[in-house]
Amino acid sequence: MKRIMIFDDDVDILEILTYLLKEKGWEVHTRTTCNNIIKVVSENNPDIILMDNWIPDTGGIKATQTLKNHPEFARVPVIYFSANNDIEKLAAEAGSDAFLAKPFDLDELERIINQF
């Protein structure tokens, strides 16, 4: 079973995505902050990560950069997602592998996830 980790401070989004992705056969792990991100990711060993831009405490850019600069997690795909108008620019600054603008539909999310 493929494992996905979602970092988002919006509990409603986490609940919806957890339900939808579990229906698609994913094992889903969620966090509302980026505290101890290396430790949290290493404990869950995800195949892919969804990272919100506006997540406490370090923010999505710094959290993604931390993961991408870590030898163990540099190859784990990170999909940056946000309602911010500059999502493409923010995703590039973060060093993510892809981006997804909020609001998004499930088909678009599934298409991006399946790329990896």
Protein backbone atom coordinates (compact mmCIF):
# COMPACT_ATOMS: atom_id res chain seq x y z
CA MET A 1 0.00 0.00 0.00
CA LYS A 2 1.30 3.43 -0.93
CA ARG A 3 1.81 5.89 1.92
CA ILE A 4 1.06 9.62 1.67
CA MET A 5 1.78 12.30 4.25
CA ILE A 6 -0.22 15.53 4.27
CA PHE A 7 0.91 18.68 6.07
CA ASP A 8 -1.91 21.25 6.36
CA ASP A 9 -3.18 23.35 9.26
CA ASP A 10 -6.79 23.14 7.98
CA VAL A 11 -8.31 20.14 9.78
CA ASP A 12 -11.27 20.05 7.36
CA ILE A 13 -8.94 19.63 4.38
CA LEU A 14 -7.04 16.91 6.22
CA GLU A 15 -10.24 15.02 7.01
CA ILE A 16 -11.57 15.27 3.44
CA LEU A 17 -8.27 14.26 1.85
CA THR A 18 -7.83 11.41 4.33
CA TYR A 19 -11.25 10.03 3.48
CA LEU A 20 -10.84 10.42 -0.29
CA LEU A 21 -7.31 9.03 -0.46
CA LYS A 22 -8.11 6.06 1.79
CA GLU A 23 -10.95 5.26 -0.61
CA LYS A 24 -8.32 5.18 -3.37
CA GLY A 25 -6.20 2.71 -1.40
CA TRP A 26 -3.65 5.06 0.18
CA GLU A 27 -2.36 4.83 3.73
CA VAL A 28 -2.72 8.44 4.91
CA HIS A 29 -0.76 10.26 7.64
CA THR A 30 -1.48 13.90 8.52
CA ARG A 31 0.07 16.70 10.55
CA THR A 32 -1.13 20.24 11.30
CA THR A 33 2.40 21.62 11.86
CA CYS A 34 5.89 21.08 10.51
CA ASN A 35 7.46 20.64 13.94
CA ASN A 36 10.29 18.08 13.89
CA ILE A 37 9.61 17.42 10.20
CA ILE A 38 12.59 15.10 9.66
CA LYS A 39 11.61 12.96 12.65
CA VAL A 40 7.92 12.88 11.66
CA VAL A 41 8.65 11.96 8.04
CA SER A 42 11.17 9.29 9.04
CA GLU A 43 8.60 7.71 11.39
CA ASN A 44 5.98 7.52 8.62
CA ASN A 45 8.24 6.87 5.62
CA PRO A 46 5.83 8.28 2.99
CA ASP A 47 6.01 7.61 -0.74
CA ILE A 48 4.75 11.13 -1.43
CA ILE A 49 4.11 14.31 0.57
CA LEU A 50 1.48 17.04 0.19
CA MET A 51 2.75 20.29 1.72
CA ASP A 52 0.62 23.36 2.43
CA ASN A 53 2.25 26.78 2.14
CA TRP A 54 0.73 28.32 5.27
CA ILE A 55 1.54 25.64 7.83
CA PRO A 56 2.91 26.39 11.29
CA ASP A 57 5.63 26.64 12.49
CA THR A 58 8.33 26.90 9.86
CA GLY A 59 6.01 27.24 6.86
CA GLY A 60 5.80 25.09 3.77
CA ILE A 61 8.77 26.60 1.94
CA LYS A 62 11.24 26.01 4.75
CA ALA A 63 9.78 22.57 5.55
CA THR A 64 10.04 21.47 1.90
CA GLN A 65 13.60 22.81 1.63
CA THR A 66 14.53 20.93 4.81
CA LEU A 67 13.22 17.69 3.33
CA LYS A 68 14.81 18.25 -0.08
CA ASN A 69 18.18 18.98 1.53
CA HIS A 70 18.08 15.82 3.64
CA PRO A 71 19.86 12.84 2.02
CA GLU A 72 17.20 10.35 3.13
CA PHE A 73 14.20 12.35 1.87
CA ALA A 74 15.49 14.34 -1.11
CA ARG A 75 13.93 11.85 -3.53
CA VAL A 76 10.48 11.75 -1.87
CA PRO A 77 8.15 13.76 -4.14
CA VAL A 78 6.66 16.84 -2.51
CA ILE A 79 3.51 18.36 -4.00
CA TYR A 80 3.15 21.93 -2.81
CA PHE A 81 -0.44 23.07 -2.42
CA SER A 82 -1.95 26.40 -1.48
CA ALA A 83 -4.67 28.93 -2.25
CA ASN A 84 -1.96 31.56 -2.72
CA ASN A 85 -1.98 33.31 -6.11
CA ASP A 86 1.79 32.81 -6.45
CA ILE A 87 1.65 29.03 -5.94
CA GLU A 88 3.91 28.27 -8.90
CA LYS A 89 6.58 30.72 -7.68
CA LEU A 90 6.31 29.50 -4.07
CA ALA A 91 6.58 25.87 -5.16
CA ALA A 92 9.71 26.67 -7.17
CA GLU A 93 11.24 28.53 -4.21
CA ALA A 94 10.45 25.58 -1.94
CA GLY A 95 12.01 23.12 -4.39
CA SER A 96 8.89 20.97 -4.61
CA ASP A 97 8.34 18.43 -7.38
CA ALA A 98 4.90 19.71 -8.36
CA PHE A 99 2.21 22.12 -7.19
CA LEU A 100 -1.54 22.14 -6.86
CA ALA A 101 -3.65 25.27 -6.46
CA LYS A 102 -6.46 25.22 -3.90
CA PRO A 103 -9.31 24.72 -4.38
CA PHE A 104 -8.65 21.64 -6.50
CA ASP A 105 -10.74 18.71 -7.60
CA LEU A 106 -9.96 15.12 -6.76
CA ASP A 107 -9.22 14.18 -10.38
CA GLU A 108 -6.51 16.86 -10.56
CA LEU A 109 -5.01 15.70 -7.26
CA GLU A 110 -5.07 12.08 -8.39
CA ARG A 111 -3.45 12.97 -11.73
CA ILE A 112 -0.56 14.78 -10.01
CA ILE A 113 -0.06 12.05 -7.40
CA ASN A 114 -0.02 9.37 -10.09
CA GLN A 115 2.80 11.19 -11.91
CA PHE A 116 5.06 10.03 -9.11
